Amino acid sequence: VLTILPEQMNYLAALDGEISDSETRNLDWLKQRIQLLKSQGLSDSLLKTPKILGLPWAYWHQDLKSIPNHAAQRVKKPYLLLFGARDYQVNQRQVKEWRRVKKLHKTPFEYFILEGLNHQLMPGIGRPKPKEYENPNHVAKEVIDLMSEFINKQLDSE
């Protein structure tokens, strides 16, 4: 999450059509802190700076270790990866990276990019915004069907 956070924050800052000086400073601060964490780990100087999204630095340090490559090495069970095409939190570049890593480690997986769905795999229209998560909605029927199919295949193969 931490490695893609600047991209997500940039997306959110640009939703109103422009990125203000204040937003630019915040984005620069975020990128600098991430670089420090990557290069120095949990240093005393880093621990004294404000948290990112209110989460402790130890959380983000652990998050850096949880990149797809590491997860793929540990888990050899079949995966079902579902991505919403309207998802700005896990974008198409990241989906391609998951596919590449899964193939590299020969982890069995099925993946689907579902048109019209957001990060929560719920339907929406237009450019996705955080506000839409507050609207009552349901996971798309297509998601339930794909999950059901996948589970049944796994049960049949045992």
N, C-alpha and C. Protein backbone atom coordinates (compact mmCIF):
# COMPACT_ATOMS: atom_id res chain seq x y z
N VAL A 1 0.83 -1.19 0.00
CA VAL A 1 0.00 0.00 0.00
C VAL A 1 0.88 1.26 0.00
N LEU A 2 1.94 1.24 0.82
CA LEU A 2 2.75 2.45 0.94
C LEU A 2 3.40 2.84 -0.38
N THR A 3 3.81 1.88 -1.17
CA THR A 3 4.47 2.21 -2.43
C THR A 3 3.51 2.84 -3.44
N ILE A 4 2.22 2.57 -3.31
CA ILE A 4 1.24 3.15 -4.24
C ILE A 4 0.49 4.34 -3.65
N LEU A 5 0.72 4.61 -2.38
CA LEU A 5 0.02 5.69 -1.71
C LEU A 5 0.24 7.05 -2.38
N PRO A 6 1.46 7.42 -2.79
CA PRO A 6 1.61 8.72 -3.46
C PRO A 6 0.76 8.83 -4.72
N GLU A 7 0.66 7.75 -5.47
CA GLU A 7 -0.15 7.75 -6.69
C GLU A 7 -1.63 7.96 -6.35
N GLN A 8 -2.10 7.30 -5.31
CA GLN A 8 -3.49 7.45 -4.88
C GLN A 8 -3.76 8.87 -4.38
N MET A 9 -2.84 9.39 -3.59
CA MET A 9 -3.02 10.74 -3.04
C MET A 9 -2.97 11.79 -4.16
N ASN A 10 -2.14 11.57 -5.15
CA ASN A 10 -2.07 12.46 -6.30
C ASN A 10 -3.41 12.45 -7.06
N TYR A 11 -3.96 11.25 -7.24
CA TYR A 11 -5.26 11.11 -7.90
C TYR A 11 -6.32 11.92 -7.15
N LEU A 12 -6.36 11.75 -5.82
CA LEU A 12 -7.36 12.45 -5.01
C LEU A 12 -7.17 13.96 -5.05
N ALA A 13 -5.91 14.39 -5.00
CA ALA A 13 -5.62 15.83 -5.04
C ALA A 13 -6.07 16.44 -6.37
N ALA A 14 -6.00 15.68 -7.44
CA ALA A 14 -6.33 16.20 -8.77
C ALA A 14 -7.82 16.09 -9.11
N LEU A 15 -8.62 15.52 -8.25
CA LEU A 15 -10.04 15.34 -8.55
C LEU A 15 -10.77 16.65 -8.86
N ASP A 16 -10.34 17.72 -8.23
CA ASP A 16 -11.01 19.01 -8.48
C ASP A 16 -10.45 19.73 -9.71
N GLY A 17 -9.55 19.08 -10.43
CA GLY A 17 -9.02 19.66 -11.66
C GLY A 17 -7.67 20.33 -11.52
N GLU A 18 -7.20 20.53 -10.29
CA GLU A 18 -5.88 21.12 -10.10
C GLU A 18 -5.28 20.65 -8.77
N ILE A 19 -3.96 20.69 -8.71
CA ILE A 19 -3.26 20.34 -7.47
C ILE A 19 -2.69 21.63 -6.90
N SER A 20 -3.17 22.01 -5.72
CA SER A 20 -2.76 23.28 -5.10
C SER A 20 -1.33 23.19 -4.58
N ASP A 21 -0.77 24.34 -4.22
CA ASP A 21 0.58 24.38 -3.64
C ASP A 21 0.62 23.57 -2.35
N SER A 22 -0.42 23.69 -1.55
CA SER A 22 -0.49 22.96 -0.28
C SER A 22 -0.52 21.45 -0.54
N GLU A 23 -1.32 21.04 -1.51
CA GLU A 23 -1.39 19.60 -1.86
C GLU A 23 -0.04 19.12 -2.39
N THR A 24 0.62 19.95 -3.18
CA THR A 24 1.95 19.59 -3.70
C THR A 24 2.94 19.41 -2.56
N ARG A 25 2.92 20.32 -1.58
CA ARG A 25 3.82 20.18 -0.42
C ARG A 25 3.52 18.90 0.34
N ASN A 26 2.24 18.59 0.54
CA ASN A 26 1.87 17.35 1.24
C ASN A 26 2.32 16.11 0.48
N LEU A 27 2.16 16.13 -0.82
CA LEU A 27 2.60 14.99 -1.64
C LEU A 27 4.11 14.84 -1.58
N ASP A 28 4.84 15.95 -1.64
CA ASP A 28 6.31 15.90 -1.54
C ASP A 28 6.74 15.35 -0.19
N TRP A 29 6.06 15.81 0.90
CA TRP A 29 6.37 15.32 2.25
C TRP A 29 6.16 13.81 2.32
N LEU A 30 5.06 13.33 1.76
CA LEU A 30 4.75 11.91 1.77
C LEU A 30 5.83 11.12 1.03
N LYS A 31 6.20 11.57 -0.14
CA LYS A 31 7.24 10.87 -0.93
C LYS A 31 8.57 10.85 -0.19
N GLN A 32 8.91 11.94 0.47
CA GLN A 32 10.17 11.99 1.24
C GLN A 32 10.15 11.00 2.39
N ARG A 33 9.03 10.92 3.09
CA ARG A 33 8.93 9.98 4.23
C ARG A 33 9.00 8.53 3.76
N ILE A 34 8.38 8.26 2.65
CA ILE A 34 8.43 6.89 2.12
C ILE A 34 9.86 6.55 1.72
N GLN A 35 10.55 7.48 1.09
CA GLN A 35 11.94 7.24 0.70
C GLN A 35 12.81 7.02 1.94
N LEU A 36 12.58 7.81 3.00
CA LEU A 36 13.33 7.62 4.24
C LEU A 36 13.08 6.23 4.83
N LEU A 37 11.83 5.82 4.84
CA LEU A 37 11.49 4.52 5.39
C LEU A 37 12.15 3.40 4.59
N LYS A 38 12.16 3.55 3.27
CA LYS A 38 12.79 2.54 2.42
C LYS A 38 14.30 2.49 2.65
N SER A 39 14.92 3.65 2.79
CA SER A 39 16.38 3.69 2.89
C SER A 39 16.91 3.47 4.30
N GLN A 40 16.19 3.96 5.32
CA GLN A 40 16.70 3.89 6.69
C GLN A 40 15.94 2.93 7.60
N GLY A 41 14.81 2.47 7.16
CA GLY A 41 13.98 1.66 8.04
C GLY A 41 13.37 2.53 9.12
N LEU A 42 13.13 1.94 10.27
CA LEU A 42 12.47 2.65 11.38
C LEU A 42 13.49 3.44 12.19
N SER A 43 14.04 4.50 11.61
CA SER A 43 15.03 5.32 12.29
C SER A 43 14.37 6.20 13.34
N ASP A 44 15.17 6.64 14.33
CA ASP A 44 14.65 7.53 15.38
C ASP A 44 14.10 8.81 14.80
N SER A 45 14.78 9.38 13.78
CA SER A 45 14.31 10.63 13.20
C SER A 45 12.97 10.45 12.51
N LEU A 46 12.77 9.33 11.85
CA LEU A 46 11.51 9.07 11.17
C LEU A 46 10.38 8.88 12.19
N LEU A 47 10.67 8.16 13.25
CA LEU A 47 9.64 7.88 14.26
C LEU A 47 9.13 9.16 14.94
N LYS A 48 9.93 10.24 14.88
CA LYS A 48 9.52 11.51 15.50
C LYS A 48 8.67 12.36 14.57
N THR A 49 8.51 11.97 13.32
CA THR A 49 7.71 12.75 12.38
C THR A 49 6.25 12.28 12.45
N PRO A 50 5.32 13.14 11.96
CA PRO A 50 3.90 12.74 11.99
C PRO A 50 3.65 11.44 11.24
N LYS A 51 2.64 10.74 11.68
CA LYS A 51 2.26 9.47 11.05
C LYS A 51 1.58 9.72 9.72
N ILE A 52 1.60 8.71 8.86
CA ILE A 52 0.87 8.78 7.59
C ILE A 52 -0.50 8.15 7.82
N LEU A 53 -1.54 8.91 7.53
CA LEU A 53 -2.92 8.47 7.69
C LEU A 53 -3.20 7.97 9.11
N GLY A 54 -2.47 8.51 10.08
CA GLY A 54 -2.69 8.16 11.48
C GLY A 54 -2.17 6.79 11.89
N LEU A 55 -1.49 6.10 10.98
CA LEU A 55 -0.99 4.76 11.29
C LEU A 55 0.48 4.82 11.71
N PRO A 56 0.88 4.01 12.68
CA PRO A 56 2.27 4.05 13.16
C PRO A 56 3.25 3.63 12.06
N TRP A 57 4.47 4.13 12.18
CA TRP A 57 5.50 3.83 11.18
C TRP A 57 5.79 2.34 11.09
N ALA A 58 5.64 1.62 12.20
CA ALA A 58 5.88 0.16 12.18
C ALA A 58 4.91 -0.53 11.22
N TYR A 59 3.68 -0.02 11.14
CA TYR A 59 2.70 -0.57 10.20
C TYR A 59 3.22 -0.43 8.77
N TRP A 60 3.68 0.77 8.42
CA TRP A 60 4.15 1.03 7.05
C TRP A 60 5.42 0.26 6.75
N HIS A 61 6.27 0.10 7.76
CA HIS A 61 7.50 -0.68 7.58
C HIS A 61 7.15 -2.12 7.23
N GLN A 62 6.19 -2.68 7.95
CA GLN A 62 5.73 -4.04 7.66
C GLN A 62 5.07 -4.10 6.28
N ASP A 63 4.33 -3.06 5.94
CA ASP A 63 3.66 -3.00 4.65
C ASP A 63 4.66 -3.09 3.50
N LEU A 64 5.81 -2.46 3.64
CA LEU A 64 6.84 -2.52 2.59
C LEU A 64 7.32 -3.95 2.36
N LYS A 65 7.28 -4.77 3.40
CA LYS A 65 7.71 -6.17 3.28
C LYS A 65 6.64 -7.05 2.63
N SER A 66 5.44 -6.53 2.50
CA SER A 66 4.30 -7.32 2.03
C SER A 66 4.00 -7.09 0.56
N ILE A 67 4.99 -6.79 -0.23
CA ILE A 67 4.76 -6.57 -1.65
C ILE A 67 4.32 -7.88 -2.30
N PRO A 68 3.65 -7.82 -3.44
CA PRO A 68 3.12 -9.03 -4.06
C PRO A 68 4.13 -10.16 -4.22
N ASN A 69 5.36 -9.83 -4.53
CA ASN A 69 6.38 -10.85 -4.73
C ASN A 69 6.54 -11.72 -3.48
N HIS A 70 6.56 -11.09 -2.31
CA HIS A 70 6.73 -11.84 -1.06
C HIS A 70 5.51 -12.70 -0.78
N ALA A 71 4.33 -12.15 -0.98
CA ALA A 71 3.11 -12.92 -0.74
C ALA A 71 3.03 -14.12 -1.67
N ALA A 72 3.41 -13.94 -2.92
CA ALA A 72 3.36 -15.03 -3.90
C ALA A 72 4.32 -16.15 -3.53
N GLN A 73 5.43 -15.82 -2.94
CA GLN A 73 6.39 -16.85 -2.54
C GLN A 73 5.85 -17.69 -1.39
N ARG A 74 5.09 -17.07 -0.49
CA ARG A 74 4.60 -17.77 0.70
C ARG A 74 3.37 -18.62 0.44
N VAL A 75 2.47 -18.15 -0.39
CA VAL A 75 1.19 -18.82 -0.58
C VAL A 75 1.17 -19.55 -1.91
N LYS A 76 0.95 -20.85 -1.85
CA LYS A 76 0.95 -21.66 -3.08
C LYS A 76 -0.45 -22.15 -3.44
N LYS A 77 -1.43 -21.84 -2.62
CA LYS A 77 -2.82 -22.21 -2.92
C LYS A 77 -3.34 -21.36 -4.07
N PRO A 78 -4.33 -21.84 -4.80
CA PRO A 78 -4.91 -21.05 -5.89
C PRO A 78 -5.50 -19.73 -5.39
N TYR A 79 -5.33 -18.72 -6.19
CA TYR A 79 -5.83 -17.38 -5.90
C TYR A 79 -6.96 -17.03 -6.85
N LEU A 80 -7.89 -16.24 -6.36
CA LEU A 80 -8.86 -15.57 -7.21
C LEU A 80 -8.64 -14.08 -6.98
N LEU A 81 -8.24 -13.38 -8.03
CA LEU A 81 -7.97 -11.95 -7.94
C LEU A 81 -9.03 -11.21 -8.72
N LEU A 82 -9.79 -10.38 -8.03
CA LEU A 82 -10.86 -9.60 -8.66
C LEU A 82 -10.52 -8.12 -8.52
N PHE A 83 -10.56 -7.43 -9.62
CA PHE A 83 -10.24 -6.01 -9.63
C PHE A 83 -11.34 -5.23 -10.33
N GLY A 84 -11.71 -4.12 -9.78
CA GLY A 84 -12.67 -3.23 -10.44
C GLY A 84 -11.95 -2.33 -11.42
N ALA A 85 -12.48 -2.20 -12.62
CA ALA A 85 -11.86 -1.35 -13.64
C ALA A 85 -11.91 0.13 -13.24
N ARG A 86 -12.81 0.51 -12.31
CA ARG A 86 -12.91 1.89 -11.83
C ARG A 86 -12.13 2.10 -10.54
N ASP A 87 -11.25 1.20 -10.20
CA ASP A 87 -10.51 1.25 -8.94
C ASP A 87 -9.29 2.16 -9.09
N TYR A 88 -9.23 3.23 -8.30
CA TYR A 88 -8.03 4.07 -8.31
C TYR A 88 -7.08 3.67 -7.20
N GLN A 89 -7.50 2.77 -6.32
CA GLN A 89 -6.65 2.34 -5.22
C GLN A 89 -5.73 1.19 -5.63
N VAL A 90 -6.19 0.34 -6.51
CA VAL A 90 -5.36 -0.70 -7.13
C VAL A 90 -5.56 -0.52 -8.62
N ASN A 91 -4.60 0.13 -9.26
CA ASN A 91 -4.80 0.48 -10.66
C ASN A 91 -4.32 -0.63 -11.60
N GLN A 92 -4.51 -0.43 -12.89
CA GLN A 92 -4.21 -1.47 -13.88
C GLN A 92 -2.74 -1.85 -13.89
N ARG A 93 -1.84 -0.91 -13.62
CA ARG A 93 -0.40 -1.22 -13.56
C ARG A 93 -0.14 -2.21 -12.42
N GLN A 94 -0.79 -2.00 -11.29
CA GLN A 94 -0.60 -2.90 -10.15
C GLN A 94 -1.21 -4.27 -10.42
N VAL A 95 -2.32 -4.30 -11.14
CA VAL A 95 -2.93 -5.58 -11.52
C VAL A 95 -1.94 -6.37 -12.38
N LYS A 96 -1.31 -5.69 -13.33
CA LYS A 96 -0.32 -6.36 -14.19
C LYS A 96 0.85 -6.89 -13.37
N GLU A 97 1.26 -6.13 -12.35
CA GLU A 97 2.36 -6.58 -11.49
C GLU A 97 1.96 -7.85 -10.72
N TRP A 98 0.74 -7.89 -10.19
CA TRP A 98 0.27 -9.10 -9.51
C TRP A 98 0.29 -10.29 -10.47
N ARG A 99 -0.20 -10.09 -11.68
CA ARG A 99 -0.19 -11.17 -12.68
C ARG A 99 1.22 -11.66 -12.95
N ARG A 100 2.15 -10.72 -13.14
CA ARG A 100 3.53 -11.06 -13.44
C ARG A 100 4.15 -11.88 -12.30
N VAL A 101 3.92 -11.43 -11.08
CA VAL A 101 4.50 -12.11 -9.91
C VAL A 101 3.90 -13.50 -9.73
N LYS A 102 2.59 -13.61 -9.90
CA LYS A 102 1.95 -14.92 -9.76
C LYS A 102 2.48 -15.90 -10.79
N LYS A 103 2.66 -15.44 -12.03
CA LYS A 103 3.21 -16.32 -13.07
C LYS A 103 4.65 -16.69 -12.75
N LEU A 104 5.42 -15.73 -12.30
CA LEU A 104 6.83 -15.95 -11.96
C LEU A 104 6.98 -17.05 -10.92
N HIS A 105 6.13 -17.05 -9.92
CA HIS A 105 6.21 -18.02 -8.82
C HIS A 105 5.34 -19.25 -9.06
N LYS A 106 4.78 -19.32 -10.26
CA LYS A 106 3.95 -20.46 -10.64
C LYS A 106 2.84 -20.74 -9.62
N THR A 107 2.28 -19.65 -9.10
CA THR A 107 1.15 -19.76 -8.19
C THR A 107 -0.11 -19.83 -9.05
N PRO A 108 -0.93 -20.87 -8.87
CA PRO A 108 -2.16 -20.94 -9.67
C PRO A 108 -3.11 -19.79 -9.30
N PHE A 109 -3.62 -19.13 -10.32
CA PHE A 109 -4.53 -18.03 -10.06
C PHE A 109 -5.46 -17.80 -11.24
N GLU A 110 -6.57 -17.20 -10.91
CA GLU A 110 -7.50 -16.68 -11.92
C GLU A 110 -7.67 -15.22 -11.58
N TYR A 111 -7.76 -14.39 -12.58
CA TYR A 111 -7.98 -12.98 -12.29
C TYR A 111 -8.98 -12.40 -13.28
N PHE A 112 -9.70 -11.41 -12.80
CA PHE A 112 -10.71 -10.74 -13.61
C PHE A 112 -10.66 -9.25 -13.32
N ILE A 113 -10.73 -8.46 -14.38
CA ILE A 113 -10.92 -7.01 -14.24
C ILE A 113 -12.37 -6.76 -14.61
N LEU A 114 -13.12 -6.26 -13.66
CA LEU A 114 -14.57 -6.15 -13.80
C LEU A 114 -14.98 -4.72 -14.13
N GLU A 115 -15.51 -4.56 -15.32
CA GLU A 115 -15.90 -3.24 -15.82
C GLU A 115 -16.97 -2.60 -14.93
N GLY A 116 -16.82 -1.31 -14.72
CA GLY A 116 -17.83 -0.54 -13.99
C GLY A 116 -17.77 -0.67 -12.48
N LEU A 117 -16.82 -1.46 -11.95
CA LEU A 117 -16.76 -1.68 -10.50
C LEU A 117 -15.61 -0.90 -9.88
N ASN A 118 -15.81 -0.48 -8.62
CA ASN A 118 -14.77 0.26 -7.91
C ASN A 118 -13.94 -0.68 -7.03
N HIS A 119 -13.17 -0.11 -6.12
CA HIS A 119 -12.29 -0.89 -5.24
C HIS A 119 -13.07 -1.87 -4.37
N GLN A 120 -14.28 -1.51 -4.01
CA GLN A 120 -15.11 -2.38 -3.18
C GLN A 120 -15.93 -3.36 -4.03
N LEU A 121 -15.63 -3.39 -5.32
CA LEU A 121 -16.31 -4.27 -6.28
C LEU A 121 -17.81 -3.97 -6.34
N MET A 122 -18.10 -2.69 -6.22
CA MET A 122 -19.48 -2.21 -6.33
C MET A 122 -19.59 -1.33 -7.57
N PRO A 123 -20.75 -1.36 -8.21
CA PRO A 123 -20.91 -0.56 -9.43
C PRO A 123 -20.95 0.94 -9.15
N GLY A 124 -20.49 1.69 -10.13
CA GLY A 124 -20.53 3.14 -10.07
C GLY A 124 -20.43 3.70 -11.47
N ILE A 125 -20.57 5.01 -11.56
CA ILE A 125 -20.54 5.67 -12.86
C ILE A 125 -19.53 6.82 -12.79
N GLY A 126 -18.81 7.01 -13.87
CA GLY A 126 -17.88 8.14 -13.97
C GLY A 126 -16.59 7.90 -13.23
N ARG A 127 -15.90 8.99 -13.02
CA ARG A 127 -14.60 8.94 -12.35
C ARG A 127 -14.81 8.59 -10.87
N PRO A 128 -14.13 7.55 -10.37
CA PRO A 128 -14.37 7.13 -8.98
C PRO A 128 -13.87 8.18 -7.97
N LYS A 129 -14.65 8.33 -6.90
CA LYS A 129 -14.31 9.29 -5.84
C LYS A 129 -14.58 8.61 -4.50
N PRO A 130 -13.85 8.98 -3.45
CA PRO A 130 -14.06 8.38 -2.13
C PRO A 130 -15.50 8.51 -1.64
N LYS A 131 -16.16 9.59 -2.01
CA LYS A 131 -17.54 9.85 -1.54
C LYS A 131 -18.49 8.72 -1.92
N GLU A 132 -18.23 8.05 -3.05
CA GLU A 132 -19.16 6.99 -3.48
C GLU A 132 -19.17 5.81 -2.52
N TYR A 133 -18.12 5.66 -1.71
CA TYR A 133 -18.09 4.57 -0.73
C TYR A 133 -19.11 4.79 0.38
N GLU A 134 -19.58 6.01 0.52
CA GLU A 134 -20.57 6.33 1.56
C GLU A 134 -21.99 6.00 1.11
N ASN A 135 -22.19 5.80 -0.19
CA ASN A 135 -23.53 5.51 -0.71
C ASN A 135 -23.89 4.05 -0.47
N PRO A 136 -25.11 3.79 -0.02
CA PRO A 136 -25.53 2.39 0.12
C PRO A 136 -25.42 1.68 -1.23
N ASN A 137 -24.86 0.50 -1.22
CA ASN A 137 -24.64 -0.24 -2.46
C ASN A 137 -24.42 -1.71 -2.11
N HIS A 138 -24.31 -2.54 -3.12
CA HIS A 138 -24.05 -3.96 -2.93
C HIS A 138 -22.94 -4.40 -3.87
N VAL A 139 -22.22 -5.42 -3.45
CA VAL A 139 -21.23 -6.02 -4.32
C VAL A 139 -21.97 -6.53 -5.55
N ALA A 140 -21.36 -6.35 -6.72
CA ALA A 140 -22.00 -6.76 -7.97
C ALA A 140 -22.25 -8.27 -7.99
N LYS A 141 -23.37 -8.67 -8.58
CA LYS A 141 -23.72 -10.10 -8.69
C LYS A 141 -22.62 -10.88 -9.38
N GLU A 142 -21.99 -10.28 -10.37
CA GLU A 142 -20.89 -10.92 -11.09
C GLU A 142 -19.77 -11.35 -10.13
N VAL A 143 -19.51 -10.56 -9.11
CA VAL A 143 -18.47 -10.89 -8.12
C VAL A 143 -18.87 -12.15 -7.35
N ILE A 144 -20.10 -12.20 -6.90
CA ILE A 144 -20.60 -13.35 -6.15
C ILE A 144 -20.52 -14.60 -7.03
N ASP A 145 -20.93 -14.47 -8.27
CA ASP A 145 -20.90 -15.61 -9.20
C ASP A 145 -19.46 -16.11 -9.41
N LEU A 146 -18.53 -15.19 -9.62
CA LEU A 146 -17.13 -15.60 -9.83
C LEU A 146 -16.54 -16.26 -8.58
N MET A 147 -16.87 -15.71 -7.42
CA MET A 147 -16.37 -16.30 -6.18
C MET A 147 -16.95 -17.69 -5.97
N SER A 148 -18.23 -17.84 -6.21
CA SER A 148 -18.90 -19.12 -6.05
C SER A 148 -18.31 -20.17 -6.99
N GLU A 149 -18.12 -19.79 -8.25
CA GLU A 149 -17.50 -20.70 -9.23
C GLU A 149 -16.12 -21.14 -8.78
N PHE A 150 -15.31 -20.16 -8.33
CA PHE A 150 -13.95 -20.45 -7.92
C PHE A 150 -13.93 -21.40 -6.72
N ILE A 151 -14.75 -21.14 -5.73
CA ILE A 151 -14.81 -21.99 -4.54
C ILE A 151 -15.25 -23.40 -4.92
N ASN A 152 -16.26 -23.50 -5.75
CA ASN A 152 -16.73 -24.82 -6.17
C ASN A 152 -15.65 -25.59 -6.93
N LYS A 153 -14.88 -24.91 -7.77
CA LYS A 153 -13.77 -25.57 -8.47
C LYS A 153 -12.74 -26.11 -7.49
N GLN A 154 -12.46 -25.33 -6.45
CA GLN A 154 -11.47 -25.76 -5.46
C GLN A 154 -11.99 -26.97 -4.68
N LEU A 155 -13.26 -26.94 -4.34
CA LEU A 155 -13.86 -28.07 -3.61
C LEU A 155 -13.89 -29.33 -4.49
N ASP A 156 -14.17 -29.16 -5.76
CA ASP A 156 -14.21 -30.30 -6.69
C ASP A 156 -12.84 -30.91 -6.90
N SER A 157 -11.78 -30.11 -6.77
CA SER A 157 -10.43 -30.61 -7.03
C SER A 157 -9.81 -31.30 -5.81
N GLU A 158 -10.46 -31.22 -4.67
CA GLU A 158 -9.91 -31.85 -3.45
C GLU A 158 -10.25 -33.31 -3.38
